Amino acid sequence: MNIVFLSTLEKETGEHERLSAQVSIGEEQGIWHVFWSEPNHAGKLEQMQWYQGMSWDEMLSTFRHGLREKIRSGFRPLVSSDMEAAQTLSGKARMTQMLTYYCDDHPNEEMYEKLRTWRREQASREGKAPYLLATNRVLRMLSVFLPKSKDELKQIPGFGEQKTNMYGEDMLKLTADCTRMGSFPLDWVARSIDPAKFESWLLTQKEQKLRIELDREAGKRKLLEITSGGGSLADLQAGLTMPRRELLQWVEELEREGYDMDPLVEAELAQVPEEEQIKAWNAFESVGDRYLKPVLQRMCGTEELKGKELDRTYEWLRLLRLRFRREKESMASQTAS
């Protein structure tokens, strides 16, 4: 059986005593399995099967329900550092979570939308992805806590000194005339929130992260199935209902993990004229394969391509780059041996 997810959970059962259990999701010949393993009163490990069947949606629903009930009974997941129980959070990590929770509970949508508009326009001017300027979480904090000085801006987790120097004046222009409920420093937030509601919010966040992780794993498995059957990017998009750019990111990740992406590369490059592929290959040889824009400029210049045609060219260049890197690695390995 192929185990696609495994998590350990613990529950306090008495003074200095903990009960350890595991929940797992496995797949065998298209059949999904969900197991819960927990020691009985005699200390012997017992395995309960929560689900067995072919439906991903039914499996995931059963898994979520079972895990939610176990969490309510006192179990806490120990999947990874970002999914630790609330009690293990301390210092800056715990405070950041409290600030995030407070902002979720006291949103300022009008200011948030103004900040999003600024981010979008500024990112366009710089030619960067918007999240590189500030994440949604940072914008939420800015919109709720409304810093009035650069020293206060630096106290927003995720903004810091560098971004304050770069964008501080823009931020302060947006927040200058706004009335705020609290002041800086933000240590008052920890005293103002309801501990029980905060704990419940943390568990919800963990469930959401776990759901995203599992959905991502299932998506990758489906991508591999479609690819191994000779499917194209269009087939992947139809089967996974994802943007083609995200699909290509997954393809590149799976290639790095050692999966065979050649059937997809073959299917897509079969639609590209051989002379164009030769030009691109020579450009990779000349300017390297780290960035695609220099490769495209070496081939023909970006002015000649626009819109969907440009997007399509970048798509097949990313796939050709997989083949180029694989061949280079093979040649390097042969030389070393």
Protein backbone atom coordinates (compact mmCIF):
# COMPACT_ATOMS: atom_id res chain seq x y z
CA MET A 1 0.00 0.00 0.00
CA ASN A 2 1.21 3.49 -0.86
CA ILE A 3 0.99 5.73 2.22
CA VAL A 4 0.25 9.27 1.07
CA PHE A 5 -0.30 10.82 4.50
CA LEU A 6 0.71 9.90 8.05
CA SER A 7 0.33 12.00 11.18
CA THR A 8 1.00 11.35 14.85
CA LEU A 9 -1.31 12.76 17.51
CA GLU A 10 -0.99 12.86 21.28
CA LYS A 11 -3.46 13.16 24.14
CA GLU A 12 -2.81 13.85 27.80
CA THR A 13 -4.27 11.02 29.87
CA GLY A 14 -2.94 11.86 33.30
CA GLU A 15 -0.14 13.56 35.14
CA HIS A 16 2.95 13.46 32.90
CA GLU A 17 1.33 10.75 30.75
CA ARG A 18 0.45 10.92 27.07
CA LEU A 19 -1.37 8.59 24.69
CA SER A 20 0.11 8.46 21.19
CA ALA A 21 -1.95 7.56 18.10
CA GLN A 22 -1.63 7.76 14.33
CA VAL A 23 -3.95 8.55 11.45
CA SER A 24 -2.97 7.51 7.94
CA ILE A 25 -4.26 7.67 4.39
CA GLY A 26 -3.14 5.02 1.92
CA GLU A 27 -3.92 3.98 -1.64
CA GLU A 28 -3.71 0.57 -3.26
CA GLN A 29 -4.83 -0.13 -6.84
CA GLY A 30 -7.19 2.83 -6.84
CA ILE A 31 -8.72 2.03 -3.44
CA TRP A 32 -8.37 4.64 -0.69
CA HIS A 33 -7.93 3.60 2.95
CA VAL A 34 -8.08 5.67 6.13
CA PHE A 35 -6.81 4.09 9.37
CA TRP A 36 -6.76 5.21 12.99
CA SER A 37 -4.26 3.37 15.23
CA GLU A 38 -4.43 3.76 19.00
CA PRO A 39 -3.32 1.62 21.99
CA ASN A 40 -6.15 -0.04 23.93
CA HIS A 41 -6.39 -0.25 27.74
CA ALA A 42 -3.92 -3.14 27.72
CA GLY A 43 -1.40 -1.11 25.72
CA LYS A 44 -1.87 -3.18 22.56
CA LEU A 45 -2.09 -1.19 19.33
CA GLU A 46 -5.49 -1.44 17.68
CA GLN A 47 -6.19 -0.30 14.13
CA MET A 48 -9.60 0.96 13.10
CA GLN A 49 -10.52 1.46 9.46
CA TRP A 50 -12.42 4.68 8.97
CA TYR A 51 -12.80 4.35 5.22
CA GLN A 52 -12.25 2.03 2.28
CA GLY A 53 -13.40 2.91 -1.21
CA MET A 54 -12.67 4.63 -4.51
CA SER A 55 -14.16 8.08 -3.86
CA TRP A 56 -11.63 10.77 -2.95
CA ASP A 57 -14.37 13.13 -1.75
CA GLU A 58 -15.96 10.51 0.50
CA MET A 59 -12.58 9.47 1.84
CA LEU A 60 -11.57 13.04 2.64
CA SER A 61 -14.92 13.81 4.26
CA THR A 62 -14.63 10.71 6.46
CA PHE A 63 -11.04 11.58 7.34
CA ARG A 64 -11.91 15.16 8.31
CA HIS A 65 -14.88 14.08 10.42
CA GLY A 66 -12.89 11.42 12.24
CA LEU A 67 -9.93 13.69 12.86
CA ARG A 68 -12.18 16.50 14.07
CA GLU A 69 -13.79 14.15 16.61
CA LYS A 70 -10.40 12.97 17.86
CA ILE A 71 -9.21 16.56 18.26
CA ARG A 72 -12.34 17.38 20.21
CA SER A 73 -11.63 14.41 22.49
CA GLY A 74 -8.23 15.87 23.37
CA PHE A 75 -5.82 14.64 20.70
CA ARG A 76 -3.44 17.19 19.20
CA PRO A 77 -1.70 16.66 15.83
CA LEU A 78 2.09 16.71 15.62
CA VAL A 79 2.35 16.74 11.82
CA SER A 80 4.89 19.54 11.48
CA SER A 81 6.03 22.76 13.11
CA ASP A 82 3.25 24.77 11.48
CA MET A 83 0.62 22.36 12.73
CA GLU A 84 1.70 22.05 16.34
CA ALA A 85 -0.81 22.42 19.11
CA ALA A 86 -1.45 25.91 20.38
CA GLN A 87 0.28 25.13 23.67
CA THR A 88 3.65 24.66 21.92
CA LEU A 89 3.54 28.11 20.32
CA SER A 90 5.63 30.64 22.15
CA GLY A 91 7.26 34.00 21.70
CA LYS A 92 6.98 35.65 18.30
CA ALA A 93 5.18 32.70 16.68
CA ARG A 94 2.38 32.73 19.24
CA MET A 95 2.08 36.51 19.15
CA THR A 96 1.89 36.49 15.34
CA GLN A 97 -0.94 33.96 15.50
CA MET A 98 -2.77 36.11 18.04
CA LEU A 99 -2.40 39.19 15.84
CA THR A 100 -3.68 37.23 12.86
CA TYR A 101 -6.65 35.95 14.85
CA TYR A 102 -7.48 39.44 16.10
CA CYS A 103 -7.43 40.80 12.55
CA ASP A 104 -9.70 38.00 11.34
CA ASP A 105 -12.09 38.85 14.17
CA HIS A 106 -11.96 42.65 13.64
CA PRO A 107 -11.58 43.18 9.86
CA ASN A 108 -11.31 46.58 8.19
CA GLU A 109 -12.39 45.68 4.68
CA GLU A 110 -12.32 49.21 3.28
CA MET A 111 -8.68 49.79 4.23
CA TYR A 112 -7.77 46.25 3.23
CA GLU A 113 -9.08 46.85 -0.30
CA LYS A 114 -7.14 50.13 -0.52
CA LEU A 115 -3.96 48.31 0.45
CA ARG A 116 -4.64 45.56 -2.07
CA THR A 117 -5.11 48.15 -4.79
CA TRP A 118 -1.81 49.81 -3.83
CA ARG A 119 -0.04 46.44 -3.82
CA ARG A 120 -1.38 45.47 -7.23
CA GLU A 121 -0.38 48.78 -8.83
CA GLN A 122 3.04 48.87 -7.15
CA ALA A 123 3.78 45.26 -8.10
CA SER A 124 2.87 46.09 -11.71
CA ARG A 125 5.26 49.03 -11.71
CA GLU A 126 8.08 46.88 -10.33
CA GLY A 127 7.29 43.84 -12.43
CA LYS A 128 7.00 41.65 -9.30
CA ALA A 129 4.46 39.19 -7.96
CA PRO A 130 2.16 41.07 -5.51
CA TYR A 131 2.87 38.69 -2.61
CA LEU A 132 6.55 39.69 -2.72
CA LEU A 133 5.57 43.19 -1.62
CA ALA A 134 3.28 42.04 1.17
CA THR A 135 1.21 38.94 1.87
CA ASN A 136 -2.53 39.08 2.48
CA ARG A 137 -1.88 38.46 6.19
CA VAL A 138 0.42 41.49 6.38
CA LEU A 139 -2.14 43.66 4.58
CA ARG A 140 -4.80 42.50 7.04
CA MET A 141 -2.61 43.57 9.96
CA LEU A 142 -1.85 46.93 8.37
CA SER A 143 -5.54 47.54 7.73
CA VAL A 144 -6.56 46.72 11.32
CA PHE A 145 -3.70 48.15 13.40
CA LEU A 146 -3.15 51.22 11.17
CA PRO A 147 0.46 52.16 11.98
CA LYS A 148 1.14 55.92 11.97
CA SER A 149 4.96 55.95 11.91
CA LYS A 150 7.83 53.97 10.46
CA ASP A 151 8.69 52.65 13.93
CA GLU A 152 5.17 51.25 14.20
CA LEU A 153 5.33 49.80 10.69
CA LYS A 154 8.40 47.79 11.69
CA GLN A 155 6.36 46.12 14.43
CA ILE A 156 4.03 44.47 11.91
CA PRO A 157 5.23 40.84 11.53
CA GLY A 158 6.32 40.23 7.95
CA PHE A 159 6.87 43.89 7.07
CA GLY A 160 10.05 44.80 8.90
CA GLU A 161 12.73 47.39 8.32
CA GLN A 162 13.54 46.69 4.67
CA LYS A 163 9.97 46.98 3.44
CA THR A 164 9.37 49.94 5.73
CA ASN A 165 12.25 51.74 4.00
CA MET A 166 10.89 50.78 0.57
CA TYR A 167 7.16 51.30 1.03
CA GLY A 168 6.73 53.02 4.39
CA GLU A 169 5.79 56.42 3.00
CA ASP A 170 3.10 54.91 0.78
CA MET A 171 1.66 52.97 3.72
CA LEU A 172 1.61 55.95 6.05
CA LYS A 173 -0.19 58.10 3.46
CA LEU A 174 -2.98 55.52 3.39
CA THR A 175 -3.29 55.18 7.18
CA ALA A 176 -2.61 58.80 8.19
CA ASP A 177 -6.21 60.00 8.49
CA CYS A 178 -7.73 56.79 9.82
CA THR A 179 -8.99 56.40 13.39
CA ARG A 180 -7.70 53.29 15.14
CA MET A 181 -8.96 51.42 18.19
CA GLY A 182 -5.62 50.36 19.69
CA SER A 183 -2.06 51.63 19.86
CA PHE A 184 1.51 50.38 19.55
CA PRO A 185 3.16 48.27 20.83
CA LEU A 186 0.60 45.54 20.17
CA ASP A 187 1.02 43.53 23.39
CA TRP A 188 -2.53 44.56 24.40
CA VAL A 189 -3.89 42.16 21.77
CA ALA A 190 -2.95 39.09 23.84
CA ARG A 191 -4.98 40.44 26.76
CA SER A 192 -8.00 41.37 24.65
CA ILE A 193 -8.76 38.04 22.95
CA ASP A 194 -10.82 35.17 24.32
CA PRO A 195 -8.40 32.24 24.97
CA ALA A 196 -11.02 29.57 24.20
CA LYS A 197 -12.02 31.20 20.92
CA PHE A 198 -8.35 31.60 20.00
CA GLU A 199 -7.69 27.89 20.63
CA SER A 200 -10.71 26.98 18.48
CA TRP A 201 -9.48 29.27 15.71
CA LEU A 202 -6.04 27.63 15.82
CA LEU A 203 -7.57 24.19 15.40
CA THR A 204 -9.59 25.45 12.43
CA GLN A 205 -6.41 26.80 10.86
CA LYS A 206 -4.70 23.43 11.31
CA GLU A 207 -7.63 21.61 9.71
CA GLN A 208 -7.54 23.98 6.75
CA LYS A 209 -3.79 23.49 6.27
CA LEU A 210 -4.22 19.75 6.50
CA ARG A 211 -7.03 19.85 3.93
CA ILE A 212 -4.87 21.88 1.54
CA GLU A 213 -2.01 19.43 2.01
CA LEU A 214 -4.21 16.44 1.26
CA ASP A 215 -5.91 18.12 -1.70
CA ARG A 216 -2.50 18.97 -3.11
CA GLU A 217 -1.31 15.38 -2.72
CA ALA A 218 -4.42 14.05 -4.44
CA GLY A 219 -4.01 16.57 -7.24
CA LYS A 220 -0.43 15.52 -7.86
CA ARG A 221 -1.45 11.88 -8.01
CA LYS A 222 -4.15 12.68 -10.54
CA LEU A 223 -1.64 14.70 -12.55
CA LEU A 224 0.69 11.71 -12.64
CA GLU A 225 -2.13 9.43 -13.79
CA ILE A 226 -3.13 11.76 -16.65
CA THR A 227 0.50 12.33 -17.63
CA SER A 228 1.39 8.65 -17.68
CA GLY A 229 -1.54 8.09 -20.04
CA GLY A 230 -0.12 10.56 -22.54
CA GLY A 231 -2.34 13.48 -21.52
CA SER A 232 -1.60 17.06 -22.51
CA LEU A 233 -1.73 20.30 -20.54
CA ALA A 234 -5.29 20.76 -21.79
CA ASP A 235 -6.19 17.34 -20.37
CA LEU A 236 -4.59 18.25 -17.04
CA GLN A 237 -6.48 21.52 -16.92
CA ALA A 238 -9.76 19.77 -17.64
CA GLY A 239 -9.10 17.06 -15.07
CA LEU A 240 -7.79 19.28 -12.28
CA THR A 241 -9.51 22.62 -13.01
CA MET A 242 -6.34 24.58 -12.28
CA PRO A 243 -4.57 27.41 -14.11
CA ARG A 244 -1.99 26.10 -16.56
CA ARG A 245 0.76 28.06 -14.82
CA GLU A 246 0.13 26.25 -11.52
CA LEU A 247 0.01 22.92 -13.34
CA LEU A 248 3.43 23.61 -14.84
CA GLN A 249 4.78 24.42 -11.38
CA TRP A 250 3.56 21.01 -10.21
CA VAL A 251 5.13 19.34 -13.24
CA GLU A 252 8.46 20.98 -12.44
CA GLU A 253 8.22 19.96 -8.77
CA LEU A 254 7.45 16.35 -9.66
CA GLU A 255 10.32 16.29 -12.14
CA ARG A 256 12.69 17.43 -9.38
CA GLU A 257 11.29 14.70 -7.13
CA GLY A 258 12.25 12.10 -9.75
CA TYR A 259 8.92 11.40 -11.44
CA ASP A 260 8.86 10.79 -15.20
CA MET A 261 7.34 13.83 -16.86
CA ASP A 262 8.58 12.89 -20.32
CA PRO A 263 5.16 11.75 -21.67
CA LEU A 264 3.77 15.24 -21.05
CA VAL A 265 6.89 16.89 -22.47
CA GLU A 266 6.58 14.73 -25.58
CA ALA A 267 2.86 15.44 -26.00
CA GLU A 268 3.31 19.21 -25.74
CA LEU A 269 6.52 19.58 -27.75
CA ALA A 270 5.02 17.53 -30.58
CA GLN A 271 2.95 20.65 -31.34
CA VAL A 272 6.04 22.92 -31.55
CA PRO A 273 8.00 23.21 -34.84
CA GLU A 274 11.36 21.50 -34.63
CA GLU A 275 13.23 24.62 -35.78
CA GLU A 276 11.76 26.58 -32.85
CA GLN A 277 12.89 23.90 -30.43
CA ILE A 278 16.40 24.00 -31.90
CA LYS A 279 16.52 27.78 -31.49
CA ALA A 280 15.44 27.47 -27.87
CA TRP A 281 17.93 24.68 -27.16
CA ASN A 282 20.77 26.78 -28.59
CA ALA A 283 19.58 29.72 -26.48
CA PHE A 284 19.69 27.54 -23.35
CA GLU A 285 23.24 26.59 -24.27
CA SER A 286 24.17 30.23 -24.77
CA VAL A 287 22.47 32.14 -21.95
CA GLY A 288 21.70 29.36 -19.45
CA ASP A 289 18.43 27.84 -18.26
CA ARG A 290 17.74 29.73 -15.05
CA TYR A 291 15.54 32.41 -16.58
CA LEU A 292 13.31 32.09 -19.64
CA LYS A 293 13.07 35.74 -20.66
CA PRO A 294 16.71 35.92 -21.91
CA VAL A 295 16.12 32.68 -23.80
CA LEU A 296 13.04 34.12 -25.49
CA GLN A 297 14.87 37.35 -26.32
CA ARG A 298 17.72 35.33 -27.79
CA MET A 299 15.24 33.47 -29.97
CA CYS A 300 13.07 36.28 -31.33
CA GLY A 301 12.47 39.14 -28.90
CA THR A 302 9.37 39.52 -26.74
CA GLU A 303 7.87 42.28 -28.93
CA GLU A 304 7.07 39.72 -31.61
CA LEU A 305 4.90 37.70 -29.25
CA LYS A 306 1.94 38.94 -27.24
CA GLY A 307 -0.98 37.63 -25.25
CA LYS A 308 -1.85 33.96 -25.57
CA GLU A 309 0.95 33.36 -28.06
CA LEU A 310 3.52 34.60 -25.55
CA ASP A 311 1.97 32.54 -22.74
CA ARG A 312 2.01 29.44 -24.92
CA THR A 313 5.68 29.98 -25.82
CA TYR A 314 6.64 30.26 -22.16
CA GLU A 315 4.74 27.02 -21.50
CA TRP A 316 6.64 24.91 -24.01
CA LEU A 317 9.93 26.57 -23.06
CA ARG A 318 9.41 25.43 -19.46
CA LEU A 319 8.84 21.88 -20.65
CA LEU A 320 11.79 21.95 -23.04
CA ARG A 321 13.92 23.19 -20.15
CA LEU A 322 13.07 20.01 -18.23
CA ARG A 323 14.46 17.95 -21.10
CA PHE A 324 17.51 20.22 -21.41
CA ARG A 325 18.35 19.93 -17.71
CA ARG A 326 17.82 16.19 -17.68
CA GLU A 327 20.20 15.74 -20.63
CA LYS A 328 22.82 17.98 -19.04
CA GLU A 329 22.62 16.04 -15.79
CA SER A 330 22.98 12.77 -17.70
CA MET A 331 26.05 14.06 -19.56
CA ALA A 332 27.60 15.33 -16.31
CA SER A 333 26.97 11.96 -14.65
CA GLN A 334 28.59 10.09 -17.55
CA THR A 335 31.60 12.42 -17.47
CA ALA A 336 32.01 11.93 -13.73
CA SER A 337 31.91 8.14 -14.04
